[in-house]
């Protein structure tokens, strides 16, 4: 008579033990997951720390104004300048070849803080020690605006750092974003209001595989920051994603082309979602060996062609809309 009772007692004691075992297994799995997440977060923070340290170094190595830079002469001005705020990575900077007689040509007007200075390549505010698109822009703009009666000399404010991603530009904790915010504050204090913002960037995000959604989110965040700083001017986004410097042939080239297409699609989507964002020039069309000196950076011929494309986009944007 006691045997059935004992079996029932054994089964009743096994149930709590089973529940306790499952409970401890669940706690172990949870602890393992939290530990893995902590390790992953630590690795991400370490990577971000290294990235930010690199950005600070790149910002410190940008070209600075020289004591020999002359000031702009207001008495020689022939009207309101065309104020251009230029942002981007290496192809927006001084990473092309310089003309042998670069210093012999007319200087470019540049707004540096509360001062307007005259400068030749390499231009202050950007990385690189070579030539730029922007020193070639005044002549191209004169051609693009020829006969319109609305020719205006460009006056630029420049911030460009090689190999920078959109996250570097838009993340509030990024040294590059903080440098941008400082530049916007200094321009606002000088009552220097841009007529247009020119964006020459995208190669770094194509190379790192940034998704279209992340690129759109990043630019939406960056646009909000520009607007908060009082920038209401149209922003022209170049389709600037081509960089196959390290690609030999085959699958690597195909992968880079596909990733570049993702960023191009994101730029197209941004201009449809945000009225302030406009399509700028398609500098990805400049892919001939004579236009890219290393598969990524423009040659002298490429700089000339990019300046022409930019001047056409600028002139089209400034052209009054017909009813």
Protein backbone atom coordinates (compact mmCIF):
# COMPACT_ATOMS: atom_id res chain seq x y z
CA UNK A 1 0.00 0.00 0.00
CA UNK A 2 2.93 2.39 0.62
CA UNK A 3 4.60 1.93 -2.82
CA UNK A 4 2.14 4.02 -4.86
CA UNK A 5 2.27 6.74 -2.25
CA UNK A 6 6.10 6.82 -2.44
CA UNK A 7 6.03 7.03 -6.25
CA UNK A 8 3.64 9.95 -6.09
CA UNK A 9 5.92 11.67 -3.57
CA UNK A 10 8.95 11.11 -5.83
CA UNK A 11 7.14 12.57 -8.84
CA UNK A 12 5.95 15.57 -6.83
CA UNK A 13 9.53 16.31 -5.68
CA UNK A 14 10.90 15.96 -9.22
CA UNK A 15 8.64 18.74 -10.55
CA UNK A 16 10.18 21.54 -8.42
CA UNK A 17 13.67 20.25 -9.25
CA UNK A 18 12.82 20.38 -12.97
CA UNK A 19 11.50 23.91 -12.68
CA UNK A 20 14.61 24.97 -10.75
CA UNK A 21 16.85 23.43 -13.42
CA UNK A 22 15.03 25.29 -16.19
CA UNK A 23 15.23 28.46 -14.14
CA UNK A 24 19.01 28.17 -13.73
CA UNK A 25 19.47 27.32 -17.41
CA UNK A 26 17.46 30.43 -18.36
CA UNK A 27 19.54 32.56 -16.00
CA UNK A 28 22.75 31.11 -17.45
CA UNK A 29 21.64 31.82 -21.01
CA UNK A 30 20.60 35.35 -20.06
CA UNK A 31 23.93 35.98 -18.35
CA UNK A 32 25.77 34.64 -21.39
CA UNK A 33 23.77 36.90 -23.69
CA UNK A 34 24.36 39.96 -21.53
CA UNK A 35 28.06 39.17 -21.36
CA UNK A 36 28.26 38.84 -25.15
CA UNK A 37 26.41 42.14 -25.57
CA UNK A 38 28.77 43.83 -23.12
CA UNK A 39 31.79 42.51 -25.05
CA UNK A 40 30.28 43.66 -28.34
CA UNK A 41 29.51 47.09 -26.93
CA UNK A 42 33.02 47.32 -25.54
CA UNK A 43 34.50 46.47 -28.94
CA UNK A 44 32.27 49.06 -30.62
CA UNK A 45 33.29 51.73 -28.10
CA UNK A 46 36.94 50.84 -28.58
CA UNK A 47 36.55 51.06 -32.35
CA UNK A 48 34.75 54.39 -32.04
CA UNK A 49 37.46 55.69 -29.69
CA UNK A 50 40.12 54.81 -32.25
CA UNK A 51 38.07 56.35 -35.05
CA UNK A 52 37.61 59.57 -33.12
CA UNK A 53 41.33 59.72 -32.30
CA UNK A 54 42.08 59.37 -36.01
CA UNK A 55 39.55 62.11 -36.84
CA UNK A 56 41.16 64.49 -34.35
CA UNK A 57 44.54 63.85 -35.97
CA UNK A 58 43.16 64.44 -39.48
CA UNK A 59 41.44 67.65 -38.39
CA UNK A 60 44.66 68.92 -36.85
CA UNK A 61 46.57 68.23 -40.09
CA UNK A 62 44.26 70.22 -42.36
CA UNK A 63 45.75 73.10 -44.31
CA UNK A 64 45.72 76.29 -42.25
CA UNK A 65 45.64 79.92 -43.45
CA UNK A 66 49.11 81.40 -43.84
CA UNK A 67 50.21 84.84 -42.60
CA UNK A 68 50.85 85.67 -46.26
CA UNK A 69 47.19 85.18 -47.23
CA UNK A 70 45.83 88.57 -48.27
CA UNK A 71 42.40 89.76 -47.15
CA UNK A 72 39.53 90.12 -49.57
CA UNK A 73 39.10 93.67 -50.85
CA UNK A 74 35.48 94.82 -50.51
CA UNK A 75 36.18 97.91 -52.61
CA UNK A 76 37.03 95.63 -55.56
CA UNK A 77 33.86 93.59 -55.25
CA UNK A 78 31.51 93.80 -58.24
CA UNK A 79 28.40 92.70 -56.37
CA UNK A 80 27.28 90.14 -53.86
CA UNK A 81 29.52 87.05 -53.85
CA UNK A 82 28.09 83.60 -54.34
CA UNK A 83 28.55 82.07 -50.89
CA UNK A 84 29.23 78.34 -51.03
CA UNK A 85 29.58 76.09 -47.97
CA UNK A 86 31.51 73.03 -49.16
CA UNK A 87 31.64 69.79 -47.17
CA UNK A 88 32.97 66.33 -47.96
CA UNK A 89 35.85 63.91 -48.04
CA UNK A 90 39.05 63.74 -50.10
CA UNK A 91 37.62 64.70 -53.50
CA UNK A 92 36.22 67.82 -51.81
CA UNK A 93 39.68 68.57 -50.44
CA UNK A 94 43.21 69.04 -51.73
CA UNK A 95 43.92 65.52 -52.99
CA UNK A 96 44.38 66.21 -56.69
CA UNK A 97 47.48 67.44 -58.53
CA UNK A 98 48.29 71.14 -58.48
CA UNK A 99 48.97 73.20 -61.57
CA UNK A 100 52.72 73.87 -61.89
CA UNK A 101 51.91 77.59 -61.83
CA UNK A 102 48.98 77.31 -59.39
CA UNK A 103 50.04 80.43 -57.48
CA UNK A 104 50.09 82.51 -60.64
CA UNK A 105 46.34 82.40 -61.25
CA UNK A 106 43.66 84.45 -59.51
CA UNK A 107 43.15 83.47 -55.86
CA UNK A 108 39.91 82.12 -54.47
CA UNK A 109 37.90 84.02 -51.88
CA UNK A 110 37.53 81.97 -48.70
CA UNK A 111 35.64 82.72 -45.52
CA UNK A 112 37.69 81.67 -42.50
CA UNK A 113 35.88 82.58 -39.28
CA UNK A 114 35.12 86.28 -39.40
CA UNK A 115 37.67 87.01 -42.13
CA UNK A 116 37.60 86.68 -45.91
CA UNK A 117 41.02 85.73 -47.28
CA UNK A 118 42.46 85.05 -50.72
CA UNK A 119 43.95 81.59 -51.16
CA UNK A 120 45.49 79.23 -53.70
CA UNK A 121 45.71 75.44 -53.59
CA UNK A 122 46.07 73.73 -51.22
CA UNK A 123 43.01 75.43 -49.76
CA UNK A 124 42.72 76.05 -45.99
CA UNK A 125 40.12 74.00 -44.15
CA UNK A 126 40.69 70.77 -46.07
CA UNK A 127 43.03 67.80 -45.89
CA UNK A 128 45.63 67.14 -48.57
CA UNK A 129 48.50 69.14 -49.98
CA UNK A 130 47.56 69.15 -53.65
CA UNK A 131 44.96 70.71 -55.91
CA UNK A 132 41.19 71.02 -55.58
CA UNK A 133 38.03 71.29 -57.62
CA UNK A 134 37.22 74.66 -56.10
CA UNK A 135 40.21 76.65 -57.33
CA UNK A 136 39.00 75.80 -60.83
CA UNK A 137 35.38 76.70 -60.09
CA UNK A 138 35.39 80.50 -60.73
CA UNK A 139 36.40 80.14 -64.39
CA UNK A 140 33.91 77.34 -64.94
CA UNK A 141 31.13 79.31 -63.27
CA UNK A 142 31.84 82.27 -65.56
CA UNK A 143 31.39 79.93 -68.53
CA UNK A 144 28.21 78.35 -67.10
CA UNK A 145 26.65 81.72 -66.23
CA UNK A 146 27.83 83.42 -69.42
CA UNK A 147 25.25 85.74 -70.89
CA UNK A 148 22.84 85.35 -67.97
CA UNK A 149 23.63 88.74 -66.48
CA UNK A 150 23.83 87.20 -63.03
CA UNK A 151 27.50 86.32 -62.71
CA UNK A 152 28.66 86.23 -59.11
CA UNK A 153 32.16 85.46 -57.87
CA UNK A 154 32.27 82.43 -55.57
CA UNK A 155 33.29 82.87 -51.96
CA UNK A 156 33.65 79.55 -50.19
CA UNK A 157 33.77 78.15 -46.68
CA UNK A 158 35.42 74.73 -46.77
CA UNK A 159 35.57 71.72 -44.46
CA UNK A 160 36.80 68.49 -46.05
CA UNK A 161 38.58 65.51 -44.51
CA UNK A 162 39.74 62.44 -46.40
CA UNK A 163 38.09 59.01 -45.91
CA UNK A 164 35.26 60.35 -43.73
CA UNK A 165 31.89 58.60 -43.55
CA UNK A 166 28.49 60.15 -43.11
CA UNK A 167 28.47 58.86 -39.52
CA UNK A 168 31.65 60.87 -38.90
CA UNK A 169 29.81 63.97 -40.13
CA UNK A 170 26.47 63.46 -38.39
CA UNK A 171 27.25 61.71 -35.06
CA UNK A 172 27.15 64.41 -32.34
CA UNK A 173 30.05 62.85 -30.40
CA UNK A 174 32.29 62.77 -33.48
CA UNK A 175 35.18 65.27 -33.55
CA UNK A 176 34.31 66.03 -37.18
CA UNK A 177 30.71 66.83 -36.30
CA UNK A 178 31.96 69.08 -33.50
CA UNK A 179 34.32 70.82 -35.95
CA UNK A 180 31.38 71.33 -38.31
CA UNK A 181 29.26 72.79 -35.52
CA UNK A 182 32.09 75.17 -34.60
CA UNK A 183 32.43 76.25 -38.24
CA UNK A 184 28.69 76.87 -38.51
CA UNK A 185 28.77 78.96 -35.33
CA UNK A 186 31.69 81.04 -36.58
CA UNK A 187 30.01 81.65 -39.94
CA UNK A 188 26.79 82.64 -38.25
CA UNK A 189 28.65 85.05 -35.96
CA UNK A 190 30.20 86.62 -39.07
CA UNK A 191 26.69 86.90 -40.62
CA UNK A 192 27.99 84.75 -43.49
CA UNK A 193 24.93 82.93 -44.84
CA UNK A 194 25.51 80.34 -47.58
CA UNK A 195 23.59 80.57 -50.82
CA UNK A 196 24.26 76.88 -51.47
CA UNK A 197 25.78 73.92 -49.65
CA UNK A 198 27.88 71.58 -51.80
CA UNK A 199 28.32 67.97 -50.63
CA UNK A 200 31.07 65.84 -52.22
CA UNK A 201 31.08 62.60 -50.24
CA UNK A 202 30.03 58.97 -50.48
CA UNK A 203 33.09 56.92 -51.37
CA UNK A 204 33.87 56.00 -47.76
CA UNK A 205 30.33 54.75 -47.15
CA UNK A 206 30.37 52.73 -50.37
CA UNK A 207 33.66 51.12 -49.31
CA UNK A 208 32.46 50.31 -45.78
CA UNK A 209 29.10 48.95 -46.95
CA UNK A 210 26.77 51.50 -45.32
CA UNK A 211 23.15 50.54 -45.97
CA UNK A 212 20.76 52.86 -47.79
CA UNK A 213 18.61 53.18 -44.66
CA UNK A 214 21.62 54.16 -42.52
CA UNK A 215 22.77 56.70 -45.10
CA UNK A 216 19.30 58.24 -45.26
CA UNK A 217 19.07 58.36 -41.45
CA UNK A 218 22.52 59.93 -41.24
CA UNK A 219 21.71 62.67 -43.73
CA UNK A 220 18.35 63.34 -42.12
CA UNK A 221 20.18 63.89 -38.82
CA UNK A 222 22.83 66.07 -40.48
CA UNK A 223 20.19 68.14 -42.27
CA UNK A 224 18.45 68.78 -38.95
CA UNK A 225 21.76 70.05 -37.54
CA UNK A 226 22.31 72.37 -40.51
CA UNK A 227 18.79 73.74 -40.16
CA UNK A 228 19.25 74.26 -36.42
CA UNK A 229 22.35 76.33 -37.28
CA UNK A 230 20.25 78.53 -39.57
CA UNK A 231 21.27 76.98 -42.89
CA UNK A 232 18.21 77.08 -45.13
CA UNK A 233 20.02 77.10 -48.48
CA UNK A 234 19.61 74.27 -50.98
CA UNK A 235 22.05 71.41 -50.41
CA UNK A 236 23.44 69.90 -53.62
CA UNK A 237 24.42 66.26 -53.17
CA UNK A 238 27.01 65.01 -55.63
CA UNK A 239 26.76 61.40 -56.63
CA UNK A 240 30.31 60.73 -55.51
CA UNK A 241 30.79 57.04 -54.74
CA UNK A 242 33.39 55.76 -57.20
CA UNK A 243 36.58 54.52 -55.57
CA UNK A 244 38.18 51.36 -56.89
CA UNK A 245 41.75 52.18 -56.05
CA UNK A 246 42.31 48.85 -54.29
CA UNK A 247 40.12 46.74 -56.55
CA UNK A 248 41.89 44.57 -59.07
CA UNK A 249 39.21 42.75 -61.05
CA UNK A 250 36.26 40.38 -60.78
CA UNK A 251 34.13 39.96 -57.68
CA UNK A 252 35.78 42.80 -55.76
CA UNK A 253 34.97 45.29 -58.51
CA UNK A 254 31.42 43.97 -58.77
CA UNK A 255 30.94 44.25 -55.00
CA UNK A 256 32.23 47.82 -54.88
CA UNK A 257 30.03 48.78 -57.82
CA UNK A 258 27.00 47.30 -56.07
CA UNK A 259 27.77 49.10 -52.81
CA UNK A 260 28.25 52.37 -54.69
CA UNK A 261 24.82 51.81 -56.22
CA UNK A 262 23.31 51.54 -52.74
CA UNK A 263 24.63 54.99 -51.77
CA UNK A 264 23.53 56.47 -55.10
CA UNK A 265 20.00 55.14 -54.52
CA UNK A 266 20.02 56.59 -51.01
CA UNK A 267 21.00 60.02 -52.38
CA UNK A 268 18.21 59.81 -54.94
CA UNK A 269 15.73 58.90 -52.18
CA UNK A 270 16.92 61.74 -49.96
CA UNK A 271 16.27 64.33 -52.66
CA UNK A 272 12.73 63.00 -53.00
CA UNK A 273 12.08 63.04 -49.25
CA UNK A 274 13.71 66.36 -48.30
CA UNK A 275 12.95 69.45 -50.46
CA UNK A 276 16.11 71.19 -49.23
CA UNK A 277 18.27 68.38 -50.61
CA UNK A 278 18.84 68.50 -54.38
CA UNK A 279 20.72 66.32 -56.84
CA UNK A 280 24.10 67.82 -57.60
CA UNK A 281 26.55 66.69 -60.27
CA UNK A 282 27.15 63.04 -61.07
CA UNK A 283 30.92 62.93 -60.63
CA UNK A 284 30.76 59.13 -60.80
CA UNK A 285 30.68 59.62 -64.57
CA UNK A 286 34.33 60.71 -64.40
CA UNK A 287 35.92 57.26 -64.42
CA UNK A 288 38.33 57.35 -67.35
CA UNK A 289 41.98 56.60 -66.51
CA UNK A 290 42.82 60.16 -67.55
CA UNK A 291 40.29 61.50 -64.98
CA UNK A 292 41.28 59.41 -61.93
CA UNK A 293 44.92 59.27 -60.99
CA UNK A 294 44.55 56.20 -58.73
CA UNK A 295 41.06 54.87 -59.39
CA UNK A 296 39.63 57.11 -56.67
CA UNK A 297 41.07 60.64 -56.61
CA UNK A 298 40.74 63.04 -59.52
CA UNK A 299 43.59 63.79 -61.86
CA UNK A 300 44.10 67.32 -63.14
CA UNK A 301 41.74 66.55 -66.02
CA UNK A 302 39.28 65.06 -63.56
CA UNK A 303 39.39 68.18 -61.37
CA UNK A 304 38.63 70.34 -64.40
CA UNK A 305 35.74 68.08 -65.40
CA UNK A 306 34.35 67.99 -61.85
CA UNK A 307 34.51 71.80 -61.66
CA UNK A 308 32.56 71.98 -64.91
CA UNK A 309 29.89 69.58 -63.63
CA UNK A 310 29.61 71.51 -60.37
CA UNK A 311 29.33 74.85 -62.19
CA UNK A 312 26.50 73.48 -64.32
CA UNK A 313 24.61 72.22 -61.25
CA UNK A 314 25.11 75.53 -59.44
CA UNK A 315 23.99 77.57 -62.43
CA UNK A 316 20.90 75.39 -62.90
CA UNK A 317 19.98 75.72 -59.22
CA UNK A 318 20.37 79.51 -59.25
CA UNK A 319 18.39 79.93 -62.43
CA UNK A 320 15.00 81.51 -61.64
CA UNK A 321 12.05 79.20 -62.02
CA UNK A 322 9.78 80.06 -64.91
CA UNK A 323 6.02 80.15 -64.21
